[in-house]
Amino acid sequence: MSATYFYHLTHEPLESALPKIIVKARAAGWRVVVRGTSDERLDWLDKQLWTQTADGFLPHGRSGGKFDADQPVLLTNSSETPNDAACLIAIDRAAISADDVAKFERICLMFNGNNGDALDDARTQWKTLSDQGFEAQYWSQESGNWAKKADNSKTA
């Protein structure tokens, strides 16, 4: 069973923060699936990921191709994970289920702190997962750095 990390974006936009989280997940040896809610937004993010890292290159692909299973990072709006990802990153209010928590080693939910609906959805997801007994951590950007602000685990 995995822990879900809630990342509250307040100092930088998703297209800047997401590559950093992906790089950390890849450094842990995990394949990653980024789950969104809109093809247009994922297409835009696809282009951003080619240019937003320090190296200017973050290997990834959009779902729906014949090489989905080979992608180290796959962008999708589906709950399927053909690349056998160990890390799920949910963006743009994409839902996380109890099945997801059981399936992935790590789940990251990134949400825009300046969007009231996104904030409400993140709070609902936190409460739902916590009520179901799943571990969750809340991370906030302070002065541009991530700081853990809450942890619902019994050992924390």
N, C-alpha and C. Protein backbone atom coordinates (compact mmCIF):
# COMPACT_ATOMS: atom_id res chain seq x y z
N MET A 1 0.85 -1.17 0.00
CA MET A 1 0.00 0.00 0.00
C MET A 1 0.90 1.24 0.00
N SER A 2 0.54 2.18 -0.82
CA SER A 2 1.37 3.38 -0.99
C SER A 2 0.86 4.53 -0.13
N ALA A 3 1.70 5.54 -0.05
CA ALA A 3 1.28 6.81 0.54
C ALA A 3 0.95 7.76 -0.60
N THR A 4 0.02 8.64 -0.36
CA THR A 4 -0.33 9.66 -1.33
C THR A 4 0.24 10.99 -0.85
N TYR A 5 1.01 11.63 -1.72
CA TYR A 5 1.62 12.92 -1.42
C TYR A 5 0.82 14.00 -2.13
N PHE A 6 0.30 14.93 -1.37
CA PHE A 6 -0.47 16.05 -1.92
C PHE A 6 0.47 17.24 -2.06
N TYR A 7 0.66 17.71 -3.28
CA TYR A 7 1.55 18.84 -3.55
C TYR A 7 0.72 20.07 -3.89
N HIS A 8 0.74 21.04 -2.98
CA HIS A 8 -0.04 22.28 -3.09
C HIS A 8 0.82 23.32 -3.80
N LEU A 9 0.51 23.58 -5.06
CA LEU A 9 1.29 24.51 -5.87
C LEU A 9 0.87 25.95 -5.56
N THR A 10 1.81 26.72 -5.03
CA THR A 10 1.54 28.12 -4.73
C THR A 10 2.59 29.07 -5.29
N HIS A 11 3.81 28.58 -5.52
CA HIS A 11 4.90 29.44 -5.97
C HIS A 11 5.34 29.21 -7.40
N GLU A 12 4.92 28.13 -8.00
CA GLU A 12 5.29 27.88 -9.39
C GLU A 12 4.17 27.10 -10.07
N PRO A 13 4.06 27.24 -11.38
CA PRO A 13 3.00 26.54 -12.09
C PRO A 13 3.32 25.05 -12.27
N LEU A 14 2.30 24.31 -12.60
CA LEU A 14 2.44 22.87 -12.80
C LEU A 14 3.57 22.53 -13.77
N GLU A 15 3.65 23.25 -14.88
CA GLU A 15 4.65 22.90 -15.89
C GLU A 15 6.08 23.07 -15.40
N SER A 16 6.29 23.82 -14.32
CA SER A 16 7.62 23.95 -13.71
C SER A 16 7.83 22.92 -12.60
N ALA A 17 6.79 22.67 -11.81
CA ALA A 17 6.90 21.76 -10.67
C ALA A 17 6.86 20.29 -11.08
N LEU A 18 6.03 19.96 -12.06
CA LEU A 18 5.85 18.57 -12.46
C LEU A 18 7.16 17.90 -12.89
N PRO A 19 7.98 18.52 -13.73
CA PRO A 19 9.22 17.84 -14.12
C PRO A 19 10.11 17.50 -12.93
N LYS A 20 10.13 18.34 -11.91
CA LYS A 20 10.95 18.08 -10.72
C LYS A 20 10.47 16.83 -9.98
N ILE A 21 9.16 16.69 -9.87
CA ILE A 21 8.59 15.51 -9.20
C ILE A 21 8.85 14.26 -10.04
N ILE A 22 8.70 14.38 -11.35
CA ILE A 22 8.97 13.25 -12.24
C ILE A 22 10.43 12.81 -12.12
N VAL A 23 11.35 13.75 -12.12
CA VAL A 23 12.78 13.43 -12.01
C VAL A 23 13.05 12.68 -10.71
N LYS A 24 12.43 13.11 -9.61
CA LYS A 24 12.62 12.41 -8.33
C LYS A 24 12.07 10.98 -8.39
N ALA A 25 10.92 10.82 -9.00
CA ALA A 25 10.33 9.49 -9.13
C ALA A 25 11.20 8.59 -10.00
N ARG A 26 11.71 9.13 -11.07
CA ARG A 26 12.59 8.35 -11.96
C ARG A 26 13.88 7.99 -11.24
N ALA A 27 14.40 8.90 -10.40
CA ALA A 27 15.61 8.63 -9.63
C ALA A 27 15.39 7.47 -8.65
N ALA A 28 14.15 7.29 -8.22
CA ALA A 28 13.80 6.16 -7.34
C ALA A 28 13.67 4.85 -8.13
N GLY A 29 13.81 4.95 -9.45
CA GLY A 29 13.71 3.76 -10.30
C GLY A 29 12.31 3.45 -10.77
N TRP A 30 11.39 4.36 -10.57
CA TRP A 30 9.99 4.13 -10.92
C TRP A 30 9.66 4.62 -12.32
N ARG A 31 8.82 3.88 -13.00
CA ARG A 31 8.14 4.40 -14.18
C ARG A 31 6.98 5.24 -13.65
N VAL A 32 6.58 6.22 -14.44
CA VAL A 32 5.59 7.20 -13.98
C VAL A 32 4.44 7.27 -14.97
N VAL A 33 3.24 7.39 -14.45
CA VAL A 33 2.09 7.74 -15.27
C VAL A 33 1.53 9.05 -14.72
N VAL A 34 1.36 10.02 -15.61
CA VAL A 34 0.77 11.31 -15.25
C VAL A 34 -0.67 11.28 -15.75
N ARG A 35 -1.61 11.32 -14.81
CA ARG A 35 -3.03 11.24 -15.15
C ARG A 35 -3.66 12.63 -15.10
N GLY A 36 -4.18 13.05 -16.24
CA GLY A 36 -4.88 14.33 -16.31
C GLY A 36 -6.34 14.11 -16.65
N THR A 37 -7.01 15.19 -17.03
CA THR A 37 -8.44 15.11 -17.33
C THR A 37 -8.80 15.62 -18.71
N SER A 38 -7.82 16.18 -19.43
CA SER A 38 -8.12 16.81 -20.71
C SER A 38 -7.03 16.50 -21.73
N ASP A 39 -7.43 16.02 -22.90
CA ASP A 39 -6.46 15.76 -23.96
C ASP A 39 -5.71 17.03 -24.35
N GLU A 40 -6.42 18.14 -24.45
CA GLU A 40 -5.78 19.39 -24.84
C GLU A 40 -4.70 19.80 -23.83
N ARG A 41 -5.02 19.67 -22.56
CA ARG A 41 -4.06 20.04 -21.51
C ARG A 41 -2.87 19.09 -21.53
N LEU A 42 -3.11 17.79 -21.73
CA LEU A 42 -2.01 16.84 -21.79
C LEU A 42 -1.14 17.06 -23.02
N ASP A 43 -1.75 17.42 -24.14
CA ASP A 43 -0.97 17.75 -25.34
C ASP A 43 -0.06 18.94 -25.07
N TRP A 44 -0.61 19.96 -24.40
CA TRP A 44 0.18 21.14 -24.06
C TRP A 44 1.31 20.77 -23.11
N LEU A 45 0.99 19.96 -22.09
CA LEU A 45 1.99 19.54 -21.11
C LEU A 45 3.07 18.68 -21.78
N ASP A 46 2.67 17.87 -22.73
CA ASP A 46 3.61 17.06 -23.50
C ASP A 46 4.70 17.95 -24.10
N LYS A 47 4.30 19.04 -24.70
CA LYS A 47 5.27 19.98 -25.29
C LYS A 47 6.13 20.63 -24.22
N GLN A 48 5.53 20.98 -23.09
CA GLN A 48 6.28 21.62 -22.01
C GLN A 48 7.37 20.71 -21.45
N LEU A 49 7.07 19.42 -21.34
CA LEU A 49 8.03 18.49 -20.74
C LEU A 49 9.28 18.28 -21.60
N TRP A 50 9.20 18.64 -22.86
CA TRP A 50 10.39 18.54 -23.71
C TRP A 50 11.36 19.69 -23.43
N THR A 51 10.90 20.74 -22.77
CA THR A 51 11.75 21.93 -22.61
C THR A 51 11.91 22.41 -21.18
N GLN A 52 11.22 21.84 -20.21
CA GLN A 52 11.20 22.41 -18.86
C GLN A 52 12.25 21.86 -17.91
N THR A 53 13.02 20.87 -18.29
CA THR A 53 14.03 20.33 -17.38
C THR A 53 15.37 21.01 -17.64
N ALA A 54 16.26 20.90 -16.67
CA ALA A 54 17.58 21.52 -16.81
C ALA A 54 18.30 20.99 -18.04
N ASP A 55 18.11 19.71 -18.34
CA ASP A 55 18.74 19.11 -19.52
C ASP A 55 17.99 19.46 -20.79
N GLY A 56 16.77 20.00 -20.63
CA GLY A 56 15.95 20.31 -21.80
C GLY A 56 15.28 19.08 -22.38
N PHE A 57 15.34 17.94 -21.67
CA PHE A 57 14.79 16.71 -22.22
C PHE A 57 14.34 15.81 -21.08
N LEU A 58 13.09 15.43 -21.09
CA LEU A 58 12.56 14.48 -20.12
C LEU A 58 11.82 13.41 -20.93
N PRO A 59 12.42 12.23 -21.10
CA PRO A 59 11.79 11.20 -21.94
C PRO A 59 10.38 10.87 -21.45
N HIS A 60 9.43 10.93 -22.36
CA HIS A 60 8.04 10.65 -22.01
C HIS A 60 7.25 10.45 -23.30
N GLY A 61 6.01 10.05 -23.15
CA GLY A 61 5.13 9.90 -24.30
C GLY A 61 3.69 10.13 -23.91
N ARG A 62 2.86 10.34 -24.92
CA ARG A 62 1.41 10.46 -24.75
C ARG A 62 0.79 9.08 -24.94
N SER A 63 -0.21 8.77 -24.17
CA SER A 63 -0.87 7.47 -24.31
C SER A 63 -1.58 7.38 -25.65
N GLY A 64 -1.76 6.15 -26.07
CA GLY A 64 -2.45 5.91 -27.33
C GLY A 64 -1.53 5.49 -28.45
N GLY A 65 -0.24 5.44 -28.20
CA GLY A 65 0.72 5.02 -29.21
C GLY A 65 1.07 3.55 -29.07
N LYS A 66 1.77 3.04 -30.06
CA LYS A 66 2.12 1.61 -30.00
C LYS A 66 3.28 1.32 -29.06
N PHE A 67 3.94 2.38 -28.53
CA PHE A 67 5.06 2.17 -27.62
C PHE A 67 4.74 2.59 -26.19
N ASP A 68 3.46 2.64 -25.84
CA ASP A 68 3.06 3.04 -24.48
C ASP A 68 3.76 2.20 -23.41
N ALA A 69 3.88 0.91 -23.63
CA ALA A 69 4.47 0.02 -22.63
C ALA A 69 5.94 0.32 -22.39
N ASP A 70 6.60 0.96 -23.34
CA ASP A 70 8.02 1.26 -23.23
C ASP A 70 8.32 2.61 -22.60
N GLN A 71 7.32 3.43 -22.39
CA GLN A 71 7.53 4.80 -21.93
C GLN A 71 7.91 4.85 -20.45
N PRO A 72 9.00 5.54 -20.10
CA PRO A 72 9.33 5.71 -18.68
C PRO A 72 8.36 6.66 -17.99
N VAL A 73 7.78 7.58 -18.77
CA VAL A 73 6.77 8.52 -18.27
C VAL A 73 5.67 8.59 -19.32
N LEU A 74 4.45 8.32 -18.91
CA LEU A 74 3.33 8.29 -19.85
C LEU A 74 2.26 9.28 -19.39
N LEU A 75 1.84 10.15 -20.30
CA LEU A 75 0.78 11.12 -20.02
C LEU A 75 -0.54 10.56 -20.54
N THR A 76 -1.55 10.52 -19.67
CA THR A 76 -2.82 9.91 -20.05
C THR A 76 -3.98 10.54 -19.30
N ASN A 77 -5.18 10.34 -19.80
CA ASN A 77 -6.37 10.71 -19.04
C ASN A 77 -7.18 9.46 -18.72
N SER A 78 -6.52 8.32 -18.75
CA SER A 78 -7.14 7.03 -18.49
C SER A 78 -6.63 6.48 -17.16
N SER A 79 -7.36 5.53 -16.60
CA SER A 79 -6.90 4.87 -15.38
C SER A 79 -5.99 3.68 -15.68
N GLU A 80 -5.81 3.37 -16.95
CA GLU A 80 -4.94 2.26 -17.34
C GLU A 80 -3.48 2.70 -17.29
N THR A 81 -2.59 1.74 -17.03
CA THR A 81 -1.15 2.03 -16.97
C THR A 81 -0.37 1.02 -17.80
N PRO A 82 -0.38 1.18 -19.12
CA PRO A 82 0.31 0.22 -19.97
C PRO A 82 1.83 0.21 -19.79
N ASN A 83 2.39 1.25 -19.17
CA ASN A 83 3.84 1.27 -18.97
C ASN A 83 4.25 0.68 -17.62
N ASP A 84 3.32 0.02 -16.93
CA ASP A 84 3.58 -0.64 -15.66
C ASP A 84 4.22 0.33 -14.65
N ALA A 85 3.65 1.51 -14.55
CA ALA A 85 4.19 2.55 -13.68
C ALA A 85 4.06 2.17 -12.21
N ALA A 86 5.05 2.60 -11.43
CA ALA A 86 5.01 2.44 -9.98
C ALA A 86 4.56 3.72 -9.30
N CYS A 87 4.60 4.83 -10.04
CA CYS A 87 4.23 6.13 -9.49
C CYS A 87 3.15 6.77 -10.35
N LEU A 88 2.07 7.15 -9.72
CA LEU A 88 0.99 7.89 -10.37
C LEU A 88 1.06 9.34 -9.92
N ILE A 89 1.06 10.25 -10.88
CA ILE A 89 0.96 11.67 -10.58
C ILE A 89 -0.36 12.16 -11.16
N ALA A 90 -1.26 12.57 -10.29
CA ALA A 90 -2.57 13.06 -10.71
C ALA A 90 -2.53 14.58 -10.78
N ILE A 91 -2.99 15.13 -11.91
CA ILE A 91 -2.99 16.57 -12.11
C ILE A 91 -4.38 17.02 -12.56
N ASP A 92 -4.60 18.31 -12.49
CA ASP A 92 -5.83 18.90 -13.03
C ASP A 92 -7.10 18.24 -12.50
N ARG A 93 -7.09 17.95 -11.21
CA ARG A 93 -8.26 17.39 -10.53
C ARG A 93 -8.61 15.97 -10.96
N ALA A 94 -7.62 15.23 -11.47
CA ALA A 94 -7.85 13.81 -11.79
C ALA A 94 -8.06 13.05 -10.48
N ALA A 95 -9.01 12.15 -10.48
CA ALA A 95 -9.37 11.42 -9.27
C ALA A 95 -8.38 10.30 -8.96
N ILE A 96 -8.26 10.01 -7.67
CA ILE A 96 -7.47 8.90 -7.18
C ILE A 96 -8.43 7.96 -6.45
N SER A 97 -8.32 6.68 -6.73
CA SER A 97 -9.21 5.70 -6.10
C SER A 97 -8.45 4.84 -5.10
N ALA A 98 -9.20 4.10 -4.30
CA ALA A 98 -8.59 3.14 -3.38
C ALA A 98 -7.81 2.09 -4.16
N ASP A 99 -8.30 1.71 -5.34
CA ASP A 99 -7.58 0.76 -6.19
C ASP A 99 -6.22 1.32 -6.60
N ASP A 100 -6.17 2.62 -6.88
CA ASP A 100 -4.90 3.26 -7.23
C ASP A 100 -3.91 3.16 -6.07
N VAL A 101 -4.39 3.44 -4.86
CA VAL A 101 -3.51 3.40 -3.69
C VAL A 101 -2.96 2.00 -3.49
N ALA A 102 -3.76 0.99 -3.76
CA ALA A 102 -3.30 -0.39 -3.63
C ALA A 102 -2.32 -0.78 -4.74
N LYS A 103 -2.47 -0.16 -5.89
CA LYS A 103 -1.69 -0.55 -7.08
C LYS A 103 -0.30 0.09 -7.16
N PHE A 104 -0.19 1.37 -6.81
CA PHE A 104 1.05 2.11 -7.03
C PHE A 104 1.91 2.17 -5.77
N GLU A 105 3.23 2.28 -5.97
CA GLU A 105 4.13 2.46 -4.83
C GLU A 105 4.05 3.88 -4.28
N ARG A 106 3.81 4.84 -5.16
CA ARG A 106 3.70 6.23 -4.74
C ARG A 106 2.65 6.92 -5.59
N ILE A 107 1.85 7.75 -4.94
CA ILE A 107 0.89 8.58 -5.65
C ILE A 107 1.16 10.03 -5.27
N CYS A 108 1.19 10.88 -6.26
CA CYS A 108 1.35 12.32 -6.05
C CYS A 108 0.14 13.02 -6.64
N LEU A 109 -0.50 13.85 -5.86
CA LEU A 109 -1.60 14.65 -6.36
C LEU A 109 -1.14 16.10 -6.33
N MET A 110 -1.02 16.71 -7.50
CA MET A 110 -0.55 18.09 -7.61
C MET A 110 -1.75 18.97 -7.90
N PHE A 111 -1.91 20.03 -7.09
CA PHE A 111 -3.08 20.88 -7.28
C PHE A 111 -2.71 22.35 -7.14
N ASN A 112 -3.41 23.17 -7.88
CA ASN A 112 -3.19 24.61 -7.93
C ASN A 112 -3.86 25.26 -6.72
N GLY A 113 -3.06 25.83 -5.85
CA GLY A 113 -3.58 26.47 -4.65
C GLY A 113 -4.34 27.75 -4.91
N ASN A 114 -4.26 28.26 -6.14
CA ASN A 114 -4.98 29.48 -6.49
C ASN A 114 -6.32 29.19 -7.16
N ASN A 115 -6.68 27.93 -7.25
CA ASN A 115 -7.93 27.51 -7.86
C ASN A 115 -8.81 26.89 -6.77
N GLY A 116 -9.88 27.58 -6.41
CA GLY A 116 -10.74 27.12 -5.32
C GLY A 116 -11.31 25.73 -5.54
N ASP A 117 -11.72 25.41 -6.77
CA ASP A 117 -12.26 24.08 -7.05
C ASP A 117 -11.19 23.01 -6.89
N ALA A 118 -9.97 23.28 -7.35
CA ALA A 118 -8.88 22.32 -7.21
C ALA A 118 -8.55 22.11 -5.74
N LEU A 119 -8.56 23.18 -4.97
CA LEU A 119 -8.30 23.09 -3.54
C LEU A 119 -9.38 22.27 -2.84
N ASP A 120 -10.63 22.51 -3.17
CA ASP A 120 -11.74 21.73 -2.60
C ASP A 120 -11.62 20.25 -2.96
N ASP A 121 -11.29 19.97 -4.22
CA ASP A 121 -11.13 18.57 -4.65
C ASP A 121 -10.00 17.89 -3.88
N ALA A 122 -8.88 18.59 -3.70
CA ALA A 122 -7.75 18.01 -2.96
C ALA A 122 -8.15 17.72 -1.52
N ARG A 123 -8.87 18.62 -0.90
CA ARG A 123 -9.34 18.40 0.47
C ARG A 123 -10.26 17.18 0.54
N THR A 124 -11.14 17.07 -0.44
CA THR A 124 -12.05 15.91 -0.48
C THR A 124 -11.27 14.62 -0.66
N GLN A 125 -10.28 14.63 -1.56
CA GLN A 125 -9.45 13.43 -1.78
C GLN A 125 -8.71 13.07 -0.49
N TRP A 126 -8.13 14.07 0.19
CA TRP A 126 -7.41 13.83 1.45
C TRP A 126 -8.34 13.16 2.45
N LYS A 127 -9.52 13.74 2.65
CA LYS A 127 -10.47 13.20 3.62
C LYS A 127 -10.91 11.79 3.25
N THR A 128 -11.22 11.58 1.98
CA THR A 128 -11.66 10.26 1.52
C THR A 128 -10.59 9.21 1.77
N LEU A 129 -9.36 9.49 1.36
CA LEU A 129 -8.27 8.52 1.54
C LEU A 129 -7.97 8.31 3.02
N SER A 130 -7.97 9.38 3.80
CA SER A 130 -7.71 9.26 5.24
C SER A 130 -8.80 8.44 5.92
N ASP A 131 -10.06 8.70 5.57
CA ASP A 131 -11.18 7.95 6.15
C ASP A 131 -11.12 6.47 5.80
N GLN A 132 -10.50 6.15 4.66
CA GLN A 132 -10.35 4.76 4.25
C GLN A 132 -9.10 4.11 4.84
N GLY A 133 -8.36 4.86 5.65
CA GLY A 133 -7.19 4.32 6.33
C GLY A 133 -5.89 4.39 5.54
N PHE A 134 -5.87 5.13 4.45
CA PHE A 134 -4.65 5.25 3.65
C PHE A 134 -3.78 6.38 4.15
N GLU A 135 -2.46 6.19 4.03
CA GLU A 135 -1.52 7.22 4.44
C GLU A 135 -1.48 8.35 3.42
N ALA A 136 -1.37 9.57 3.94
CA ALA A 136 -1.28 10.74 3.08
C ALA A 136 -0.37 11.78 3.73
N GLN A 137 0.34 12.50 2.88
CA GLN A 137 1.18 13.60 3.32
C GLN A 137 0.81 14.84 2.52
N TYR A 138 0.85 15.98 3.19
CA TYR A 138 0.54 17.25 2.54
C TYR A 138 1.82 18.08 2.48
N TRP A 139 2.20 18.46 1.26
CA TRP A 139 3.40 19.26 1.02
C TRP A 139 3.00 20.59 0.43
N SER A 140 3.61 21.66 0.94
CA SER A 140 3.32 23.01 0.46
C SER A 140 4.62 23.68 0.05
N GLN A 141 4.53 24.56 -0.92
CA GLN A 141 5.70 25.33 -1.34
C GLN A 141 5.85 26.53 -0.42
N GLU A 142 6.98 26.60 0.24
CA GLU A 142 7.29 27.77 1.06
C GLU A 142 8.56 28.38 0.52
N SER A 143 8.47 29.61 0.12
CA SER A 143 9.62 30.30 -0.47
C SER A 143 10.19 29.51 -1.63
N GLY A 144 9.34 28.78 -2.33
CA GLY A 144 9.77 28.02 -3.49
C GLY A 144 10.25 26.62 -3.17
N ASN A 145 10.42 26.28 -1.89
CA ASN A 145 10.86 24.94 -1.51
C ASN A 145 9.70 24.15 -0.93
N TRP A 146 9.73 22.83 -1.12
CA TRP A 146 8.68 21.99 -0.59
C TRP A 146 8.91 21.73 0.89
N ALA A 147 7.84 21.83 1.68
CA ALA A 147 7.90 21.54 3.10
C ALA A 147 6.69 20.68 3.47
N LYS A 148 6.95 19.60 4.21
CA LYS A 148 5.84 18.74 4.65
C LYS A 148 5.10 19.45 5.77
N LYS A 149 3.78 19.60 5.59
CA LYS A 149 2.95 20.32 6.55
C LYS A 149 2.01 19.41 7.33
N ALA A 150 1.72 18.23 6.80
CA ALA A 150 0.81 17.30 7.49
C ALA A 150 1.12 15.88 7.05
N ASP A 151 0.88 14.96 7.97
CA ASP A 151 1.12 13.54 7.70
C ASP A 151 0.11 12.77 8.56
N ASN A 152 -0.76 12.01 7.93
CA ASN A 152 -1.79 11.31 8.70
C ASN A 152 -1.39 9.90 9.12
N SER A 153 -0.13 9.50 8.84
CA SER A 153 0.28 8.13 9.17
C SER A 153 0.42 7.96 10.68
N LYS A 154 0.24 6.75 11.11
CA LYS A 154 0.29 6.43 12.54
C LYS A 154 1.71 6.54 13.09
N THR A 155 2.72 6.37 12.21
CA THR A 155 4.11 6.38 12.66
C THR A 155 4.75 7.76 12.58
N ALA A 156 4.03 8.74 12.04
CA ALA A 156 4.61 10.09 11.86
C ALA A 156 4.70 10.83 13.17
